[in-house]
Amino acid sequence: MNQSRSLTSLQPRGYYWIWYTLPALLIYVVFMAFPLLDSVRMSFFQGPASAREFVGFSNYVELFTEGELSVRYWNALGNTIVFFLIHMCVQNVLGITFAALLTNRKMRGRGLYQTLIFIPTTFAIVVTGYLWRLILNPMWSQDLLTTIGLPGLIRPWLGLESTALVAVALVSCWQWIGIPTMIFVAAFLGISDDLYEAAEIEGANGWQIFRSIKLPLVLPVAGIVTILTFAGNFNAFDVVFVMTTANGAPAYSTDLLGTLFYRVGIAGQHPVAIPNMGYGATIGTITFVLVAAVSMFVLNRTRTRG
């Protein structure tokens, strides 16, 4: 009894805990919250920093409805959605499939396979991009493809409007597939073995166990993976920049919201002659709203209900 009282007396009283959170809160406000709010504010202005002019929602109206900037925005948005869907259908589906296999107790060499799947994630994006540019270049790969009997694959994958975006997206999937795989592995390992044993006693096969036990129990984790994928894809820039340049070549077929933001708000390239942070902030604000809205929707649909 005396010991419990002494422990209670050592606990801080009042609101002293606030002091422990202040460093993290300060860093968050300075480097996250303030830039975000300032970007929203800048989306209502145009002109250089020394002579900005308040234009209200004019930037949004122009971005959605007027001129070539509007054409480029809707094209970039459509490409970004396709980029995200490819990641969902390839990266995350393969990720959950690999995770289910890697958590199979009868499978041998699981550690080796986990390492092989995760290794591309450790590569620098610049290295990965230039490596795949060489692989996809028909001048470098035609001899190999001819030798192994696949001459039909000899084509400029990054030079065709019909294949460039898909090629870039698949390279991105190849590099980052280790992330969802490891997340799903952790989720599957958190499921009690008693559920598996009970299902096996009832005569359930591997597919039935996966469909009726594993998949429903990792649904909240799948929601988190979806949100991470969506946020990452809607801010993607580096892989496109390395593989096809920030102009979204060829003919803007690989242009994403990230590359459009760079050209308009930072580099001052086509279709805006000079850097316009007002347009750039508008693109960034809309992207933030889209990511926040989709994240809230996915969390609401996949959260565990008691």
C-alpha atoms as a PDB file:
ATOM      1  CA  MET A   1       0.000   0.000   0.000  1.00  0.00           C
ATOM      2  CA  ASN A   2       2.775   2.425   0.926  1.00  0.00           C
ATOM      3  CA  GLN A   3       4.634   1.455  -2.236  1.00  0.00           C
ATOM      4  CA  SER A   4       1.623   2.272  -4.426  1.00  0.00           C
ATOM      5  CA  ARG A   5       1.263   5.648  -2.703  1.00  0.00           C
ATOM      6  CA  SER A   6       4.937   6.455  -3.262  1.00  0.00           C
ATOM      7  CA  LEU A   7       4.619   5.555  -6.960  1.00  0.00           C
ATOM      8  CA  THR A   8       1.559   7.765  -7.256  1.00  0.00           C
ATOM      9  CA  SER A   9       3.401  10.666  -5.649  1.00  0.00           C
ATOM     10  CA  LEU A  10       6.159  10.363  -8.257  1.00  0.00           C
ATOM     11  CA  GLN A  11       3.761  10.757 -11.164  1.00  0.00           C
ATOM     12  CA  PRO A  12       3.600  14.309 -12.610  1.00  0.00           C
ATOM     13  CA  ARG A  13       0.432  16.186 -11.823  1.00  0.00           C
ATOM     14  CA  GLY A  14      -1.431  18.789 -13.820  1.00  0.00           C
ATOM     15  CA  TYR A  15      -0.423  19.467 -17.395  1.00  0.00           C
ATOM     16  CA  TYR A  16       3.307  18.878 -17.150  1.00  0.00           C
ATOM     17  CA  TRP A  17       3.019  16.297 -19.953  1.00  0.00           C
ATOM     18  CA  ILE A  18       2.593  19.176 -22.387  1.00  0.00           C
ATOM     19  CA  TRP A  19       6.291  20.023 -22.025  1.00  0.00           C
ATOM     20  CA  TYR A  20       7.211  16.594 -23.379  1.00  0.00           C
ATOM     21  CA  THR A  21       5.116  17.106 -26.525  1.00  0.00           C
ATOM     22  CA  LEU A  22       6.258  20.650 -27.271  1.00  0.00           C
ATOM     23  CA  PRO A  23       9.446  19.755 -29.249  1.00  0.00           C
ATOM     24  CA  ALA A  24       7.564  17.405 -31.604  1.00  0.00           C
ATOM     25  CA  LEU A  25       4.636  19.823 -31.857  1.00  0.00           C
ATOM     26  CA  LEU A  26       6.964  22.719 -32.664  1.00  0.00           C
ATOM     27  CA  ILE A  27       8.714  20.758 -35.411  1.00  0.00           C
ATOM     28  CA  TYR A  28       5.354  19.723 -36.858  1.00  0.00           C
ATOM     29  CA  VAL A  29       3.981  23.269 -36.877  1.00  0.00           C
ATOM     30  CA  VAL A  30       7.121  24.814 -38.413  1.00  0.00           C
ATOM     31  CA  PHE A  31       7.797  22.207 -41.091  1.00  0.00           C
ATOM     32  CA  MET A  32       4.324  20.769 -41.807  1.00  0.00           C
ATOM     33  CA  ALA A  33       1.338  22.801 -40.652  1.00  0.00           C
ATOM     34  CA  PHE A  34       2.642  26.292 -41.468  1.00  0.00           C
ATOM     35  CA  PRO A  35       3.859  25.444 -45.019  1.00  0.00           C
ATOM     36  CA  LEU A  36       0.541  23.707 -45.695  1.00  0.00           C
ATOM     37  CA  LEU A  37      -1.554  26.671 -44.546  1.00  0.00           C
ATOM     38  CA  ASP A  38       0.730  29.119 -46.354  1.00  0.00           C
ATOM     39  CA  SER A  39       0.366  27.092 -49.551  1.00  0.00           C
ATOM     40  CA  VAL A  40      -3.421  27.327 -49.259  1.00  0.00           C
ATOM     41  CA  ARG A  41      -3.088  31.095 -48.762  1.00  0.00           C
ATOM     42  CA  MET A  42      -0.790  31.438 -51.787  1.00  0.00           C
ATOM     43  CA  SER A  43      -3.345  29.680 -53.997  1.00  0.00           C
ATOM     44  CA  PHE A  44      -5.467  32.861 -53.814  1.00  0.00           C
ATOM     45  CA  PHE A  45      -2.636  35.082 -55.102  1.00  0.00           C
ATOM     46  CA  GLN A  46      -0.732  35.601 -58.343  1.00  0.00           C
ATOM     47  CA  GLY A  47       2.477  37.370 -59.280  1.00  0.00           C
ATOM     48  CA  PRO A  48       6.030  37.491 -57.889  1.00  0.00           C
ATOM     49  CA  ALA A  49       6.715  37.488 -54.159  1.00  0.00           C
ATOM     50  CA  SER A  50       7.409  41.227 -54.141  1.00  0.00           C
ATOM     51  CA  ALA A  51       4.110  42.168 -55.800  1.00  0.00           C
ATOM     52  CA  ARG A  52       1.534  39.458 -55.217  1.00  0.00           C
ATOM     53  CA  GLU A  53      -2.040  40.267 -56.112  1.00  0.00           C
ATOM     54  CA  PHE A  54      -5.086  38.732 -54.463  1.00  0.00           C
ATOM     55  CA  VAL A  55      -7.222  37.037 -57.139  1.00  0.00           C
ATOM     56  CA  GLY A  56      -9.639  34.978 -55.047  1.00  0.00           C
ATOM     57  CA  PHE A  57     -10.649  31.713 -56.719  1.00  0.00           C
ATOM     58  CA  SER A  58      -9.371  32.821 -60.116  1.00  0.00           C
ATOM     59  CA  ASN A  59      -6.483  30.316 -60.041  1.00  0.00           C
ATOM     60  CA  TYR A  60      -8.901  27.456 -59.398  1.00  0.00           C
ATOM     61  CA  VAL A  61     -11.254  28.567 -62.177  1.00  0.00           C
ATOM     62  CA  GLU A  62      -8.402  28.842 -64.689  1.00  0.00           C
ATOM     63  CA  LEU A  63      -6.942  25.523 -63.621  1.00  0.00           C
ATOM     64  CA  PHE A  64     -10.259  23.726 -64.083  1.00  0.00           C
ATOM     65  CA  THR A  65     -11.759  25.426 -67.117  1.00  0.00           C
ATOM     66  CA  GLU A  66      -9.506  27.793 -69.063  1.00  0.00           C
ATOM     67  CA  GLY A  67      -6.722  27.422 -71.613  1.00  0.00           C
ATOM     68  CA  GLU A  68      -3.955  24.920 -72.045  1.00  0.00           C
ATOM     69  CA  LEU A  69      -3.178  24.883 -68.328  1.00  0.00           C
ATOM     70  CA  SER A  70      -6.589  23.308 -67.757  1.00  0.00           C
ATOM     71  CA  VAL A  71      -5.921  20.718 -70.459  1.00  0.00           C
ATOM     72  CA  ARG A  72      -2.596  19.837 -68.882  1.00  0.00           C
ATOM     73  CA  TYR A  73      -4.151  19.602 -65.398  1.00  0.00           C
ATOM     74  CA  TRP A  74      -6.948  17.219 -66.356  1.00  0.00           C
ATOM     75  CA  ASN A  75      -4.472  15.128 -68.355  1.00  0.00           C
ATOM     76  CA  ALA A  76      -2.097  14.942 -65.370  1.00  0.00           C
ATOM     77  CA  LEU A  77      -4.962  14.065 -63.032  1.00  0.00           C
ATOM     78  CA  GLY A  78      -6.121  11.267 -65.316  1.00  0.00           C
ATOM     79  CA  ASN A  79      -2.575   9.913 -65.641  1.00  0.00           C
ATOM     80  CA  THR A  80      -2.141  10.016 -61.869  1.00  0.00           C
ATOM     81  CA  ILE A  81      -5.343   8.035 -61.340  1.00  0.00           C
ATOM     82  CA  VAL A  82      -4.167   5.403 -63.852  1.00  0.00           C
ATOM     83  CA  PHE A  83      -0.758   5.377 -62.128  1.00  0.00           C
ATOM     84  CA  PHE A  84      -2.491   4.720 -58.778  1.00  0.00           C
ATOM     85  CA  LEU A  85      -4.775   1.998 -60.164  1.00  0.00           C
ATOM     86  CA  ILE A  86      -1.795   0.132 -61.634  1.00  0.00           C
ATOM     87  CA  HIS A  87      -0.126   0.203 -58.224  1.00  0.00           C
ATOM     88  CA  MET A  88      -3.293  -1.058 -56.538  1.00  0.00           C
ATOM     89  CA  CYS A  89      -3.827  -3.877 -59.043  1.00  0.00           C
ATOM     90  CA  VAL A  90      -0.187  -4.949 -59.357  1.00  0.00           C
ATOM     91  CA  GLN A  91       1.869  -3.795 -56.373  1.00  0.00           C
ATOM     92  CA  ASN A  92      -0.678  -4.287 -53.589  1.00  0.00           C
ATOM     93  CA  VAL A  93      -2.308  -7.438 -54.983  1.00  0.00           C
ATOM     94  CA  LEU A  94       1.099  -9.062 -55.397  1.00  0.00           C
ATOM     95  CA  GLY A  95       2.101  -7.702 -51.983  1.00  0.00           C
ATOM     96  CA  ILE A  96      -0.770  -9.437 -50.174  1.00  0.00           C
ATOM     97  CA  THR A  97      -0.206 -12.595 -52.258  1.00  0.00           C
ATOM     98  CA  PHE A  98       3.494 -12.714 -51.410  1.00  0.00           C
ATOM     99  CA  ALA A  99       2.677 -12.033 -47.749  1.00  0.00           C
ATOM    100  CA  ALA A 100       0.221 -14.935 -47.655  1.00  0.00           C
ATOM    101  CA  LEU A 101       2.871 -17.235 -49.128  1.00  0.00           C
ATOM    102  CA  LEU A 102       5.632 -15.979 -46.839  1.00  0.00           C
ATOM    103  CA  THR A 103       3.518 -16.625 -43.736  1.00  0.00           C
ATOM    104  CA  ASN A 104       2.740 -20.184 -44.782  1.00  0.00           C
ATOM    105  CA  ARG A 105       4.272 -22.372 -42.094  1.00  0.00           C
ATOM    106  CA  LYS A 106       5.038 -25.114 -44.628  1.00  0.00           C
ATOM    107  CA  MET A 107       7.067 -22.879 -46.918  1.00  0.00           C
ATOM    108  CA  ARG A 108      10.850 -23.182 -46.805  1.00  0.00           C
ATOM    109  CA  GLY A 109      13.352 -20.362 -47.334  1.00  0.00           C
ATOM    110  CA  ARG A 110      10.921 -17.626 -46.304  1.00  0.00           C
ATOM    111  CA  GLY A 111      13.724 -15.372 -45.053  1.00  0.00           C
ATOM    112  CA  LEU A 112      15.512 -15.523 -48.406  1.00  0.00           C
ATOM    113  CA  TYR A 113      12.343 -14.681 -50.338  1.00  0.00           C
ATOM    114  CA  GLN A 114      11.550 -11.786 -48.004  1.00  0.00           C
ATOM    115  CA  THR A 115      15.015 -10.380 -48.622  1.00  0.00           C
ATOM    116  CA  LEU A 116      14.726 -10.737 -52.405  1.00  0.00           C
ATOM    117  CA  ILE A 117      11.340  -9.007 -52.445  1.00  0.00           C
ATOM    118  CA  PHE A 118      12.504  -6.151 -50.219  1.00  0.00           C
ATOM    119  CA  ILE A 119      15.900  -5.514 -51.852  1.00  0.00           C
ATOM    120  CA  PRO A 120      14.611  -3.206 -54.661  1.00  0.00           C
ATOM    121  CA  THR A 121      13.155  -0.901 -51.995  1.00  0.00           C
ATOM    122  CA  THR A 122      16.669  -0.138 -50.776  1.00  0.00           C
ATOM    123  CA  PHE A 123      17.818   1.093 -54.199  1.00  0.00           C
ATOM    124  CA  ALA A 124      18.011   4.808 -54.916  1.00  0.00           C
ATOM    125  CA  ILE A 125      15.268   5.897 -57.298  1.00  0.00           C
ATOM    126  CA  VAL A 126      17.827   7.516 -59.596  1.00  0.00           C
ATOM    127  CA  VAL A 127      19.702   4.212 -59.888  1.00  0.00           C
ATOM    128  CA  THR A 128      16.487   2.270 -60.466  1.00  0.00           C
ATOM    129  CA  GLY A 129      15.225   4.735 -63.068  1.00  0.00           C
ATOM    130  CA  TYR A 130      18.391   4.797 -65.143  1.00  0.00           C
ATOM    131  CA  LEU A 131      18.789   1.016 -64.868  1.00  0.00           C
ATOM    132  CA  TRP A 132      15.289   0.412 -66.255  1.00  0.00           C
ATOM    133  CA  ARG A 133      15.788   3.072 -68.929  1.00  0.00           C
ATOM    134  CA  LEU A 134      18.653   0.960 -70.226  1.00  0.00           C
ATOM    135  CA  ILE A 135      16.688  -2.280 -69.931  1.00  0.00           C
ATOM    136  CA  LEU A 136      13.679  -0.823 -71.783  1.00  0.00           C
ATOM    137  CA  ASN A 137      15.828   0.760 -74.488  1.00  0.00           C
ATOM    138  CA  PRO A 138      15.542  -1.486 -77.592  1.00  0.00           C
ATOM    139  CA  MET A 139      19.101  -0.621 -78.634  1.00  0.00           C
ATOM    140  CA  TRP A 140      20.384  -2.323 -75.475  1.00  0.00           C
ATOM    141  CA  SER A 141      17.883  -5.151 -75.104  1.00  0.00           C
ATOM    142  CA  GLN A 142      17.200  -6.317 -78.671  1.00  0.00           C
ATOM    143  CA  ASP A 143      20.067  -8.821 -78.775  1.00  0.00           C
ATOM    144  CA  LEU A 144      19.030 -10.393 -75.462  1.00  0.00           C
ATOM    145  CA  LEU A 145      15.345 -10.553 -76.371  1.00  0.00           C
ATOM    146  CA  THR A 146      16.152 -12.067 -79.750  1.00  0.00           C
ATOM    147  CA  THR A 147      18.406 -14.660 -78.141  1.00  0.00           C
ATOM    148  CA  ILE A 148      15.753 -15.808 -75.680  1.00  0.00           C
ATOM    149  CA  GLY A 149      13.080 -15.906 -78.387  1.00  0.00           C
ATOM    150  CA  LEU A 150      11.078 -12.803 -77.482  1.00  0.00           C
ATOM    151  CA  PRO A 151      11.623 -10.474 -80.455  1.00  0.00           C
ATOM    152  CA  GLY A 152       8.047  -9.220 -80.119  1.00  0.00           C
ATOM    153  CA  LEU A 153       9.026  -7.334 -76.958  1.00  0.00           C
ATOM    154  CA  ILE A 154      11.543  -5.195 -78.837  1.00  0.00           C
ATOM    155  CA  ARG A 155       9.938  -1.769 -78.872  1.00  0.00           C
ATOM    156  CA  PRO A 156      10.590   1.685 -77.374  1.00  0.00           C
ATOM    157  CA  TRP A 157       8.426   1.196 -74.292  1.00  0.00           C
ATOM    158  CA  LEU A 158       9.218   4.665 -72.931  1.00  0.00           C
ATOM    159  CA  GLY A 159       8.863   6.309 -76.337  1.00  0.00           C
ATOM    160  CA  LEU A 160       5.282   5.283 -77.098  1.00  0.00           C
ATOM    161  CA  GLU A 161       2.324   7.173 -75.678  1.00  0.00           C
ATOM    162  CA  SER A 162       0.391   3.927 -75.290  1.00  0.00           C
ATOM    163  CA  THR A 163       3.023   2.164 -73.157  1.00  0.00           C
ATOM    164  CA  ALA A 164       5.155   4.834 -71.439  1.00  0.00           C
ATOM    165  CA  LEU A 165       2.913   5.418 -68.400  1.00  0.00           C
ATOM    166  CA  VAL A 166       2.358   1.706 -67.847  1.00  0.00           C
ATOM    167  CA  ALA A 167       6.101   1.043 -68.087  1.00  0.00           C
ATOM    168  CA  VAL A 168       6.950   3.748 -65.543  1.00  0.00           C
ATOM    169  CA  ALA A 169       4.200   2.545 -63.187  1.00  0.00           C
ATOM    170  CA  LEU A 170       5.385  -1.081 -63.366  1.00  0.00           C
ATOM    171  CA  VAL A 171       8.955  -0.023 -62.609  1.00  0.00           C
ATOM    172  CA  SER A 172       7.635   1.853 -59.564  1.00  0.00           C
ATOM    173  CA  CYS A 173       5.656  -1.242 -58.522  1.00  0.00           C
ATOM    174  CA  TRP A 174       8.761  -3.396 -58.857  1.00  0.00           C
ATOM    175  CA  GLN A 175      10.760  -1.100 -56.625  1.00  0.00           C
ATOM    176  CA  TRP A 176       8.207  -0.566 -53.850  1.00  0.00           C
ATOM    177  CA  ILE A 177       6.433  -3.928 -53.702  1.00  0.00           C
ATOM    178  CA  GLY A 178       8.472  -4.817 -50.623  1.00  0.00           C
ATOM    179  CA  ILE A 179       6.669  -2.201 -48.499  1.00  0.00           C
ATOM    180  CA  PRO A 180       3.100  -3.587 -48.729  1.00  0.00           C
ATOM    181  CA  THR A 181       4.485  -7.130 -48.606  1.00  0.00           C
ATOM    182  CA  MET A 182       6.182  -6.552 -45.255  1.00  0.00           C
ATOM    183  CA  ILE A 183       3.145  -4.687 -43.879  1.00  0.00           C
ATOM    184  CA  PHE A 184       0.843  -7.571 -44.795  1.00  0.00           C
ATOM    185  CA  VAL A 185       3.353 -10.105 -43.439  1.00  0.00           C
ATOM    186  CA  ALA A 186       3.245  -8.328 -40.072  1.00  0.00           C
ATOM    187  CA  ALA A 187      -0.565  -8.276 -40.210  1.00  0.00           C
ATOM    188  CA  PHE A 188      -0.817 -11.996 -41.001  1.00  0.00           C
ATOM    189  CA  LEU A 189       1.650 -12.891 -38.243  1.00  0.00           C
ATOM    190  CA  GLY A 190      -0.585 -11.039 -35.793  1.00  0.00           C
ATOM    191  CA  ILE A 191      -3.479 -13.450 -36.416  1.00  0.00           C
ATOM    192  CA  SER A 192      -3.809 -16.132 -33.756  1.00  0.00           C
ATOM    193  CA  ASP A 193      -2.771 -19.640 -34.768  1.00  0.00           C
ATOM    194  CA  ASP A 194      -5.850 -20.941 -32.972  1.00  0.00           C
ATOM    195  CA  LEU A 195      -8.023 -19.629 -35.814  1.00  0.00           C
ATOM    196  CA  TYR A 196      -5.949 -21.491 -38.396  1.00  0.00           C
ATOM    197  CA  GLU A 197      -6.020 -24.717 -36.368  1.00  0.00           C
ATOM    198  CA  ALA A 198      -9.769 -24.494 -35.891  1.00  0.00           C
ATOM    199  CA  ALA A 199     -10.275 -23.947 -39.623  1.00  0.00           C
ATOM    200  CA  GLU A 200      -8.034 -26.897 -40.490  1.00  0.00           C
ATOM    201  CA  ILE A 201      -9.978 -29.107 -38.085  1.00  0.00           C
ATOM    202  CA  GLU A 202     -13.160 -28.101 -39.901  1.00  0.00           C
ATOM    203  CA  GLY A 203     -11.530 -29.163 -43.167  1.00  0.00           C
ATOM    204  CA  ALA A 204     -10.865 -25.731 -44.672  1.00  0.00           C
ATOM    205  CA  ASN A 205      -8.241 -25.569 -47.419  1.00  0.00           C
ATOM    206  CA  GLY A 206      -5.634 -22.836 -47.920  1.00  0.00           C
ATOM    207  CA  TRP A 207      -7.833 -20.657 -50.143  1.00  0.00           C
ATOM    208  CA  GLN A 208     -10.776 -20.877 -47.732  1.00  0.00           C
ATOM    209  CA  ILE A 209      -8.548 -19.905 -44.810  1.00  0.00           C
ATOM    210  CA  PHE A 210      -7.196 -16.936 -46.759  1.00  0.00           C
ATOM    211  CA  ARG A 211     -10.637 -15.764 -47.918  1.00  0.00           C
ATOM    212  CA  SER A 212     -12.552 -16.287 -44.670  1.00  0.00           C
ATOM    213  CA  ILE A 213      -9.923 -15.632 -41.988  1.00  0.00           C
ATOM    214  CA  LYS A 214      -6.864 -13.799 -43.241  1.00  0.00           C
ATOM    215  CA  LEU A 215      -8.462 -11.321 -45.622  1.00  0.00           C
ATOM    216  CA  PRO A 216     -11.236 -10.036 -43.292  1.00  0.00           C
ATOM    217  CA  LEU A 217      -8.829  -9.646 -40.363  1.00  0.00           C
ATOM    218  CA  VAL A 218      -6.281  -7.615 -42.356  1.00  0.00           C
ATOM    219  CA  LEU A 219      -8.888  -5.351 -43.957  1.00  0.00           C
ATOM    220  CA  PRO A 220      -7.928  -2.353 -41.760  1.00  0.00           C
ATOM    221  CA  VAL A 221      -4.281  -2.888 -42.732  1.00  0.00           C
ATOM    222  CA  ALA A 222      -5.309  -3.033 -46.386  1.00  0.00           C
ATOM    223  CA  GLY A 223      -6.973   0.343 -45.878  1.00  0.00           C
ATOM    224  CA  ILE A 224      -3.745   1.817 -44.507  1.00  0.00           C
ATOM    225  CA  VAL A 225      -1.772   0.382 -47.436  1.00  0.00           C
ATOM    226  CA  THR A 226      -4.315   1.880 -49.850  1.00  0.00           C
ATOM    227  CA  ILE A 227      -3.967   5.304 -48.226  1.00  0.00           C
ATOM    228  CA  LEU A 228      -0.161   5.138 -48.325  1.00  0.00           C
ATOM    229  CA  THR A 229      -0.276   4.096 -51.987  1.00  0.00           C
ATOM    230  CA  PHE A 230      -2.746   6.838 -52.894  1.00  0.00           C
ATOM    231  CA  ALA A 231      -0.784   9.561 -51.097  1.00  0.00           C
ATOM    232  CA  GLY A 232       2.514   8.379 -52.560  1.00  0.00           C
ATOM    233  CA  ASN A 233       1.190   8.147 -56.121  1.00  0.00           C
ATOM    234  CA  PHE A 234      -0.538  11.530 -56.032  1.00  0.00           C
ATOM    235  CA  ASN A 235       2.775  13.084 -54.983  1.00  0.00           C
ATOM    236  CA  ALA A 236       4.933  11.013 -57.328  1.00  0.00           C
ATOM    237  CA  PHE A 237       7.611  12.928 -59.190  1.00  0.00           C
ATOM    238  CA  ASP A 238      11.043  11.332 -58.962  1.00  0.00           C
ATOM    239  CA  VAL A 239      10.424   8.149 -60.959  1.00  0.00           C
ATOM    240  CA  VAL A 240       8.872  10.096 -63.857  1.00  0.00           C
ATOM    241  CA  PHE A 241      11.598  12.734 -63.709  1.00  0.00           C
ATOM    242  CA  VAL A 242      14.350  10.106 -63.938  1.00  0.00           C
ATOM    243  CA  MET A 243      12.763   7.910 -66.596  1.00  0.00           C
ATOM    244  CA  THR A 244      10.975  10.377 -68.907  1.00  0.00           C
ATOM    245  CA  THR A 245      11.903  13.925 -67.685  1.00  0.00           C
ATOM    246  CA  ALA A 246       9.596  16.354 -65.894  1.00  0.00           C
ATOM    247  CA  ASN A 247       7.847  17.220 -69.177  1.00  0.00           C
ATOM    248  CA  GLY A 248       5.948  13.933 -69.037  1.00  0.00           C
ATOM    249  CA  ALA A 249       7.309  12.686 -72.344  1.00  0.00           C
ATOM    250  CA  PRO A 250       6.209  11.465 -74.777  1.00  0.00           C
ATOM    251  CA  ALA A 251       3.493  14.062 -75.458  1.00  0.00           C
ATOM    252  CA  TYR A 252       2.557  14.400 -71.772  1.00  0.00           C
ATOM    253  CA  SER A 253       1.533  10.734 -71.599  1.00  0.00           C
ATOM    254  CA  THR A 254       3.496  10.296 -68.332  1.00  0.00           C
ATOM    255  CA  ASP A 255       2.676  13.716 -66.915  1.00  0.00           C
ATOM    256  CA  LEU A 256       1.521  13.402 -63.280  1.00  0.00           C
ATOM    257  CA  LEU A 257       0.322  16.007 -60.799  1.00  0.00           C
ATOM    258  CA  GLY A 258       3.803  16.082 -59.283  1.00  0.00           C
ATOM    259  CA  THR A 259       5.535  16.873 -62.575  1.00  0.00           C
ATOM    260  CA  LEU A 260       2.880  19.433 -63.530  1.00  0.00           C
ATOM    261  CA  PHE A 261       3.344  21.153 -60.170  1.00  0.00           C
ATOM    262  CA  TYR A 262       7.104  21.259 -60.743  1.00  0.00           C
ATOM    263  CA  ARG A 263       6.796  22.760 -64.225  1.00  0.00           C
ATOM    264  CA  VAL A 264       4.186  25.348 -63.277  1.00  0.00           C
ATOM    265  CA  GLY A 265       5.201  26.369 -59.774  1.00  0.00           C
ATOM    266  CA  ILE A 266       8.988  25.914 -59.736  1.00  0.00           C
ATOM    267  CA  ALA A 267      10.594  25.561 -63.172  1.00  0.00           C
ATOM    268  CA  GLY A 268       8.326  27.939 -65.092  1.00  0.00           C
ATOM    269  CA  GLN A 269       8.106  25.599 -68.063  1.00  0.00           C
ATOM    270  CA  HIS A 270       5.289  25.044 -70.531  1.00  0.00           C
ATOM    271  CA  PRO A 271       2.375  25.908 -70.346  1.00  0.00           C
ATOM    272  CA  VAL A 272       3.334  28.723 -67.896  1.00  0.00           C
ATOM    273  CA  ALA A 273       6.205  30.849 -69.197  1.00  0.00           C
ATOM    274  CA  ILE A 274       7.535  31.852 -65.751  1.00  0.00           C
ATOM    275  CA  PRO A 275       7.256  30.187 -62.327  1.00  0.00           C
ATOM    276  CA  ASN A 276       3.844  30.959 -60.867  1.00  0.00           C
ATOM    277  CA  MET A 277       3.598  29.873 -57.245  1.00  0.00           C
ATOM    278  CA  GLY A 278      -0.086  30.788 -57.267  1.00  0.00           C
ATOM    279  CA  TYR A 279      -0.875  28.076 -59.804  1.00  0.00           C
ATOM    280  CA  GLY A 280       1.574  25.716 -58.125  1.00  0.00           C
ATOM    281  CA  ALA A 281      -0.030  26.276 -54.721  1.00  0.00           C
ATOM    282  CA  THR A 282      -3.452  25.714 -56.294  1.00  0.00           C
ATOM    283  CA  ILE A 283      -2.358  22.348 -57.678  1.00  0.00           C
ATOM    284  CA  GLY A 284      -0.838  21.427 -54.304  1.00  0.00           C
ATOM    285  CA  THR A 285      -3.958  22.456 -52.380  1.00  0.00           C
ATOM    286  CA  ILE A 286      -6.288  20.464 -54.624  1.00  0.00           C
ATOM    287  CA  THR A 287      -3.999  17.442 -54.334  1.00  0.00           C
ATOM    288  CA  PHE A 288      -4.029  17.741 -50.539  1.00  0.00           C
ATOM    289  CA  VAL A 289      -7.840  17.933 -50.476  1.00  0.00           C
ATOM    290  CA  LEU A 290      -8.106  14.870 -52.729  1.00  0.00           C
ATOM    291  CA  VAL A 291      -5.677  12.842 -50.599  1.00  0.00           C
ATOM    292  CA  ALA A 292      -7.411  13.872 -47.356  1.00  0.00           C
ATOM    293  CA  ALA A 293     -10.891  13.080 -48.691  1.00  0.00           C
ATOM    294  CA  VAL A 294      -9.930   9.684 -50.103  1.00  0.00           C
ATOM    295  CA  SER A 295      -7.998   8.815 -46.916  1.00  0.00           C
ATOM    296  CA  MET A 296     -11.006   9.585 -44.726  1.00  0.00           C
ATOM    297  CA  PHE A 297     -13.296   7.570 -47.004  1.00  0.00           C
ATOM    298  CA  VAL A 298     -10.984   4.528 -47.043  1.00  0.00           C
ATOM    299  CA  LEU A 299     -10.475   4.648 -43.273  1.00  0.00           C
ATOM    300  CA  ASN A 300     -14.224   4.782 -42.739  1.00  0.00           C
ATOM    301  CA  ARG A 301     -14.830   1.841 -45.063  1.00  0.00           C
ATOM    302  CA  THR A 302     -12.048  -0.421 -43.754  1.00  0.00           C
ATOM    303  CA  ARG A 303     -11.891   0.299 -40.041  1.00  0.00           C
ATOM    304  CA  THR A 304     -12.828  -2.466 -37.637  1.00  0.00           C
ATOM    305  CA  ARG A 305     -16.283  -2.000 -36.216  1.00  0.00           C
ATOM    306  CA  GLY A 306     -16.867  -3.321 -32.754  1.00  0.00           C
END
